[in-house]
Amino acid sequence: MAGVRGGGGLLNIHVYVLLHREDDPLKNTAVKMVRMGLATLVDARRLRARPVVLNPYSQEYLGPWLRDTVLQQGILVVDASWRRLSPSRFTGIRGLHVKLPPLLPGNPVNYGKPCILSSIEAVAASLYITGFHEEYSRLLGLYKWMKTFHELNKELLDAYSKSKTPGELESAISEFWPASPPC
């Protein structure tokens, strides 16, 4: 399988970015992943793969059981402003739509606000949960605050990545978020 050439060598997972260009391109984490060769900009209508689509409006969670799908089809992140994001942004995107289990952002804009992750945080979390720790570590190096993201979520990511079924994942979520999941 062909990978995406990255700054640290071959990245075995295809990361696709559907970019809506609503944020400052100099601060945009998806643009930086593309610029560093760790992701590819795509037009959803022309994408042949059926990737795992990170969709915060999905009813299904991403879990380790999707590892083979991620390996074979890749991950697609929709990069848009959280203020403008709506379910309609995901209409017509082919693939398996899943949401991430609750995590805390480490980025300076949304620090500590549950579930409001940047594109790089969402992709990194997806890689960790599905067992691609080397690729996750490469993304941690792109921003200083990604180490903060890691520290905030290490215990969560470990628990989520050990879940063998959606039921186990939901139990792990309930353990960390007893009142109710924030997203």
C-alpha atoms as a PDB file:
ATOM      1  CA  MET A   1       0.000   0.000   0.000  1.00  0.00           C
ATOM      2  CA  ALA A   2       1.296   3.437  -0.857  1.00  0.00           C
ATOM      3  CA  GLY A   3       1.674   5.793   2.071  1.00  0.00           C
ATOM      4  CA  VAL A   4       1.897   9.526   2.364  1.00  0.00           C
ATOM      5  CA  ARG A   5       5.467  10.835   2.433  1.00  0.00           C
ATOM      6  CA  GLY A   6       6.081  12.656   5.663  1.00  0.00           C
ATOM      7  CA  GLY A   7       8.904  14.624   7.218  1.00  0.00           C
ATOM      8  CA  GLY A   8       9.950  11.627   9.324  1.00  0.00           C
ATOM      9  CA  GLY A   9       9.629   8.981   6.622  1.00  0.00           C
ATOM     10  CA  LEU A  10       6.772   6.943   5.263  1.00  0.00           C
ATOM     11  CA  LEU A  11       3.441   7.383   7.037  1.00  0.00           C
ATOM     12  CA  ASN A  12       1.475   4.182   6.531  1.00  0.00           C
ATOM     13  CA  ILE A  13      -1.922   5.760   7.046  1.00  0.00           C
ATOM     14  CA  HIS A  14      -3.601   7.953   4.470  1.00  0.00           C
ATOM     15  CA  VAL A  15      -4.873  11.121   6.109  1.00  0.00           C
ATOM     16  CA  TYR A  16      -7.272  13.112   3.957  1.00  0.00           C
ATOM     17  CA  VAL A  17      -8.280  16.720   4.612  1.00  0.00           C
ATOM     18  CA  LEU A  18     -11.457  18.317   3.329  1.00  0.00           C
ATOM     19  CA  LEU A  19     -10.583  21.984   3.811  1.00  0.00           C
ATOM     20  CA  HIS A  20     -13.247  24.677   4.079  1.00  0.00           C
ATOM     21  CA  ARG A  21     -10.679  27.508   4.458  1.00  0.00           C
ATOM     22  CA  GLU A  22     -12.491  29.215   7.349  1.00  0.00           C
ATOM     23  CA  ASP A  23      -9.508  29.634   9.658  1.00  0.00           C
ATOM     24  CA  ASP A  24      -6.262  31.575   9.446  1.00  0.00           C
ATOM     25  CA  PRO A  25      -4.077  29.472   7.089  1.00  0.00           C
ATOM     26  CA  LEU A  26      -0.981  30.358   9.114  1.00  0.00           C
ATOM     27  CA  LYS A  27      -2.507  28.795  12.242  1.00  0.00           C
ATOM     28  CA  ASN A  28      -4.494  26.008  10.572  1.00  0.00           C
ATOM     29  CA  THR A  29      -3.364  22.585  11.781  1.00  0.00           C
ATOM     30  CA  ALA A  30      -4.765  20.718   8.771  1.00  0.00           C
ATOM     31  CA  VAL A  31      -2.868  22.998   6.383  1.00  0.00           C
ATOM     32  CA  LYS A  32       0.324  22.302   8.340  1.00  0.00           C
ATOM     33  CA  MET A  33      -0.232  18.532   8.129  1.00  0.00           C
ATOM     34  CA  VAL A  34      -0.623  18.899   4.346  1.00  0.00           C
ATOM     35  CA  ARG A  35       2.390  21.196   4.064  1.00  0.00           C
ATOM     36  CA  MET A  36       4.513  18.677   6.019  1.00  0.00           C
ATOM     37  CA  GLY A  37       3.427  15.850   3.709  1.00  0.00           C
ATOM     38  CA  LEU A  38       1.441  14.058   6.436  1.00  0.00           C
ATOM     39  CA  ALA A  39      -1.986  14.584   4.860  1.00  0.00           C
ATOM     40  CA  THR A  40      -3.535  15.132   1.436  1.00  0.00           C
ATOM     41  CA  LEU A  41      -6.110  17.748   0.464  1.00  0.00           C
ATOM     42  CA  VAL A  42      -9.116  16.148  -1.208  1.00  0.00           C
ATOM     43  CA  ASP A  43     -12.366  16.959  -2.913  1.00  0.00           C
ATOM     44  CA  ALA A  44     -14.931  14.639  -1.264  1.00  0.00           C
ATOM     45  CA  ARG A  45     -16.724  14.101  -4.593  1.00  0.00           C
ATOM     46  CA  ARG A  46     -13.566  12.760  -6.218  1.00  0.00           C
ATOM     47  CA  LEU A  47     -12.223  10.660  -3.366  1.00  0.00           C
ATOM     48  CA  ARG A  48     -12.168   7.003  -4.385  1.00  0.00           C
ATOM     49  CA  ALA A  49     -11.349   5.614  -0.959  1.00  0.00           C
ATOM     50  CA  ARG A  50     -14.053   5.118   1.643  1.00  0.00           C
ATOM     51  CA  PRO A  51     -12.141   6.390   4.673  1.00  0.00           C
ATOM     52  CA  VAL A  52     -13.091   6.637   8.297  1.00  0.00           C
ATOM     53  CA  VAL A  53     -14.726  10.077   8.378  1.00  0.00           C
ATOM     54  CA  LEU A  54     -14.308  11.973  11.648  1.00  0.00           C
ATOM     55  CA  ASN A  55     -17.833  13.303  12.109  1.00  0.00           C
ATOM     56  CA  PRO A  56     -18.772  14.749  15.515  1.00  0.00           C
ATOM     57  CA  TYR A  57     -22.473  14.299  14.629  1.00  0.00           C
ATOM     58  CA  SER A  58     -22.217  10.534  14.104  1.00  0.00           C
ATOM     59  CA  GLN A  59     -23.937   8.181  16.529  1.00  0.00           C
ATOM     60  CA  GLU A  60     -21.053   5.655  16.319  1.00  0.00           C
ATOM     61  CA  TYR A  61     -17.705   5.964  18.092  1.00  0.00           C
ATOM     62  CA  LEU A  62     -14.271   5.374  16.623  1.00  0.00           C
ATOM     63  CA  GLY A  63     -12.572   2.442  18.345  1.00  0.00           C
ATOM     64  CA  PRO A  64      -9.682   0.024  17.940  1.00  0.00           C
ATOM     65  CA  TRP A  65     -11.914  -2.387  16.005  1.00  0.00           C
ATOM     66  CA  LEU A  66     -11.622   0.051  13.048  1.00  0.00           C
ATOM     67  CA  ARG A  67      -7.847  -0.391  12.764  1.00  0.00           C
ATOM     68  CA  ASP A  68      -8.009  -2.400   9.516  1.00  0.00           C
ATOM     69  CA  THR A  69     -10.373   0.120   7.919  1.00  0.00           C
ATOM     70  CA  VAL A  70      -8.041   2.981   8.881  1.00  0.00           C
ATOM     71  CA  LEU A  71      -5.063   1.053   7.500  1.00  0.00           C
ATOM     72  CA  GLN A  72      -6.791   0.190   4.210  1.00  0.00           C
ATOM     73  CA  GLN A  73      -8.938   3.286   3.591  1.00  0.00           C
ATOM     74  CA  GLY A  74      -7.412   6.064   5.706  1.00  0.00           C
ATOM     75  CA  ILE A  75      -8.900   8.844   7.824  1.00  0.00           C
ATOM     76  CA  LEU A  76     -10.708  11.935   6.578  1.00  0.00           C
ATOM     77  CA  VAL A  77     -10.952  15.072   8.694  1.00  0.00           C
ATOM     78  CA  VAL A  78     -13.279  17.925   7.743  1.00  0.00           C
ATOM     79  CA  ASP A  79     -11.435  21.122   8.578  1.00  0.00           C
ATOM     80  CA  ALA A  80     -13.964  23.862   9.273  1.00  0.00           C
ATOM     81  CA  SER A  81     -14.625  26.466  11.929  1.00  0.00           C
ATOM     82  CA  TRP A  82     -16.436  24.967  14.923  1.00  0.00           C
ATOM     83  CA  ARG A  83     -18.756  28.014  14.791  1.00  0.00           C
ATOM     84  CA  ARG A  84     -19.889  27.072  11.280  1.00  0.00           C
ATOM     85  CA  LEU A  85     -19.834  23.304  11.606  1.00  0.00           C
ATOM     86  CA  SER A  86     -23.144  21.509  11.119  1.00  0.00           C
ATOM     87  CA  PRO A  87     -24.317  18.018  10.097  1.00  0.00           C
ATOM     88  CA  SER A  88     -24.854  19.264   6.532  1.00  0.00           C
ATOM     89  CA  ARG A  89     -21.057  19.635   6.124  1.00  0.00           C
ATOM     90  CA  PHE A  90     -20.826  15.834   6.188  1.00  0.00           C
ATOM     91  CA  THR A  91     -23.606  15.080   3.704  1.00  0.00           C
ATOM     92  CA  GLY A  92     -22.344  13.303   0.608  1.00  0.00           C
ATOM     93  CA  ILE A  93     -18.975  12.303   2.058  1.00  0.00           C
ATOM     94  CA  ARG A  94     -18.482   8.606   1.379  1.00  0.00           C
ATOM     95  CA  GLY A  95     -16.968   6.501   4.094  1.00  0.00           C
ATOM     96  CA  LEU A  96     -17.587   5.249   7.594  1.00  0.00           C
ATOM     97  CA  HIS A  97     -18.742   8.196   9.722  1.00  0.00           C
ATOM     98  CA  VAL A  98     -17.678   7.988  13.377  1.00  0.00           C
ATOM     99  CA  LYS A  99     -17.114  10.404  16.221  1.00  0.00           C
ATOM    100  CA  LEU A 100     -14.234  10.439  18.645  1.00  0.00           C
ATOM    101  CA  PRO A 101     -14.853   9.543  22.257  1.00  0.00           C
ATOM    102  CA  PRO A 102     -14.612  12.604  24.555  1.00  0.00           C
ATOM    103  CA  LEU A 103     -11.172  14.189  24.777  1.00  0.00           C
ATOM    104  CA  LEU A 104      -9.769  17.518  25.986  1.00  0.00           C
ATOM    105  CA  PRO A 105      -8.067  19.871  23.534  1.00  0.00           C
ATOM    106  CA  GLY A 106      -4.601  21.130  24.323  1.00  0.00           C
ATOM    107  CA  ASN A 107      -4.624  23.796  21.619  1.00  0.00           C
ATOM    108  CA  PRO A 108      -4.521  27.426  22.829  1.00  0.00           C
ATOM    109  CA  VAL A 109      -7.847  28.380  21.194  1.00  0.00           C
ATOM    110  CA  ASN A 110     -10.083  25.748  22.817  1.00  0.00           C
ATOM    111  CA  TYR A 111      -7.865  24.520  25.657  1.00  0.00           C
ATOM    112  CA  GLY A 112      -9.752  22.266  28.050  1.00  0.00           C
ATOM    113  CA  LYS A 113     -13.166  22.564  26.342  1.00  0.00           C
ATOM    114  CA  PRO A 114     -14.265  18.926  25.952  1.00  0.00           C
ATOM    115  CA  CYS A 115     -14.553  17.642  22.379  1.00  0.00           C
ATOM    116  CA  ILE A 116     -13.613  20.885  20.584  1.00  0.00           C
ATOM    117  CA  LEU A 117     -10.449  19.482  19.017  1.00  0.00           C
ATOM    118  CA  SER A 118      -8.324  20.943  16.258  1.00  0.00           C
ATOM    119  CA  SER A 119      -7.912  18.858  13.105  1.00  0.00           C
ATOM    120  CA  ILE A 120      -4.455  17.644  14.135  1.00  0.00           C
ATOM    121  CA  GLU A 121      -5.726  16.641  17.588  1.00  0.00           C
ATOM    122  CA  ALA A 122      -8.612  14.697  16.029  1.00  0.00           C
ATOM    123  CA  VAL A 123      -6.341  12.875  13.581  1.00  0.00           C
ATOM    124  CA  ALA A 124      -3.736  12.165  16.267  1.00  0.00           C
ATOM    125  CA  ALA A 125      -6.366  10.780  18.644  1.00  0.00           C
ATOM    126  CA  SER A 126      -7.766   8.587  15.862  1.00  0.00           C
ATOM    127  CA  LEU A 127      -4.321   7.185  15.166  1.00  0.00           C
ATOM    128  CA  TYR A 128      -3.651   6.460  18.838  1.00  0.00           C
ATOM    129  CA  ILE A 129      -7.022   4.832  19.487  1.00  0.00           C
ATOM    130  CA  THR A 130      -6.638   2.572  16.446  1.00  0.00           C
ATOM    131  CA  GLY A 131      -3.120   1.536  17.467  1.00  0.00           C
ATOM    132  CA  PHE A 132      -0.895   3.641  15.221  1.00  0.00           C
ATOM    133  CA  HIS A 133       1.318   5.040  17.985  1.00  0.00           C
ATOM    134  CA  GLU A 134       4.343   5.821  15.814  1.00  0.00           C
ATOM    135  CA  GLU A 135       2.231   7.996  13.497  1.00  0.00           C
ATOM    136  CA  TYR A 136       0.614   9.608  16.561  1.00  0.00           C
ATOM    137  CA  SER A 137       4.063  10.516  17.916  1.00  0.00           C
ATOM    138  CA  ARG A 138       5.016  12.174  14.628  1.00  0.00           C
ATOM    139  CA  LEU A 139       1.990  14.449  14.853  1.00  0.00           C
ATOM    140  CA  LEU A 140       2.839  15.365  18.460  1.00  0.00           C
ATOM    141  CA  GLY A 141       6.029  16.984  17.188  1.00  0.00           C
ATOM    142  CA  LEU A 142       4.299  19.492  14.900  1.00  0.00           C
ATOM    143  CA  TYR A 143       3.179  21.865  17.676  1.00  0.00           C
ATOM    144  CA  LYS A 144       4.507  22.439  21.208  1.00  0.00           C
ATOM    145  CA  TRP A 145       0.959  22.318  22.582  1.00  0.00           C
ATOM    146  CA  MET A 146       0.453  18.801  21.189  1.00  0.00           C
ATOM    147  CA  LYS A 147       2.475  17.596  24.179  1.00  0.00           C
ATOM    148  CA  THR A 148      -0.175  19.291  26.345  1.00  0.00           C
ATOM    149  CA  PHE A 149      -2.866  17.454  24.374  1.00  0.00           C
ATOM    150  CA  HIS A 150      -1.027  14.202  25.083  1.00  0.00           C
ATOM    151  CA  GLU A 151      -0.689  14.922  28.818  1.00  0.00           C
ATOM    152  CA  LEU A 152      -4.367  15.898  29.140  1.00  0.00           C
ATOM    153  CA  ASN A 153      -5.554  12.756  27.356  1.00  0.00           C
ATOM    154  CA  LYS A 154      -2.981  10.005  27.968  1.00  0.00           C
ATOM    155  CA  GLU A 155      -5.167   8.075  30.409  1.00  0.00           C
ATOM    156  CA  LEU A 156      -8.265   8.520  28.216  1.00  0.00           C
ATOM    157  CA  LEU A 157      -6.470   7.485  25.040  1.00  0.00           C
ATOM    158  CA  ASP A 158      -5.008   4.411  26.725  1.00  0.00           C
ATOM    159  CA  ALA A 159      -8.420   3.331  28.025  1.00  0.00           C
ATOM    160  CA  TYR A 160     -10.158   3.986  24.701  1.00  0.00           C
ATOM    161  CA  SER A 161      -7.467   2.129  22.742  1.00  0.00           C
ATOM    162  CA  LYS A 162      -7.882  -0.991  24.927  1.00  0.00           C
ATOM    163  CA  SER A 163     -11.618  -1.294  24.248  1.00  0.00           C
ATOM    164  CA  LYS A 164     -12.420  -4.364  22.197  1.00  0.00           C
ATOM    165  CA  THR A 165     -16.076  -3.535  21.457  1.00  0.00           C
ATOM    166  CA  PRO A 166     -18.319  -0.469  21.270  1.00  0.00           C
ATOM    167  CA  GLY A 167     -19.835  -1.566  24.597  1.00  0.00           C
ATOM    168  CA  GLU A 168     -16.430  -1.608  26.298  1.00  0.00           C
ATOM    169  CA  LEU A 169     -15.669   1.825  24.874  1.00  0.00           C
ATOM    170  CA  GLU A 170     -18.941   3.205  26.208  1.00  0.00           C
ATOM    171  CA  SER A 171     -18.094   1.729  29.628  1.00  0.00           C
ATOM    172  CA  ALA A 172     -14.692   3.461  29.534  1.00  0.00           C
ATOM    173  CA  ILE A 173     -16.380   6.738  28.586  1.00  0.00           C
ATOM    174  CA  SER A 174     -18.823   6.361  31.498  1.00  0.00           C
ATOM    175  CA  GLU A 175     -15.926   5.729  33.863  1.00  0.00           C
ATOM    176  CA  PHE A 176     -14.201   8.990  32.931  1.00  0.00           C
ATOM    177  CA  TRP A 177     -17.327  11.073  32.317  1.00  0.00           C
ATOM    178  CA  PRO A 178     -19.809   9.749  34.939  1.00  0.00           C
ATOM    179  CA  ALA A 179     -22.435  12.503  34.624  1.00  0.00           C
ATOM    180  CA  SER A 180     -22.763  12.016  30.864  1.00  0.00           C
ATOM    181  CA  PRO A 181     -20.404  12.288  27.898  1.00  0.00           C
ATOM    182  CA  PRO A 182     -19.864  15.935  26.944  1.00  0.00           C
ATOM    183  CA  CYS A 183     -20.154  15.143  23.248  1.00  0.00           C
END
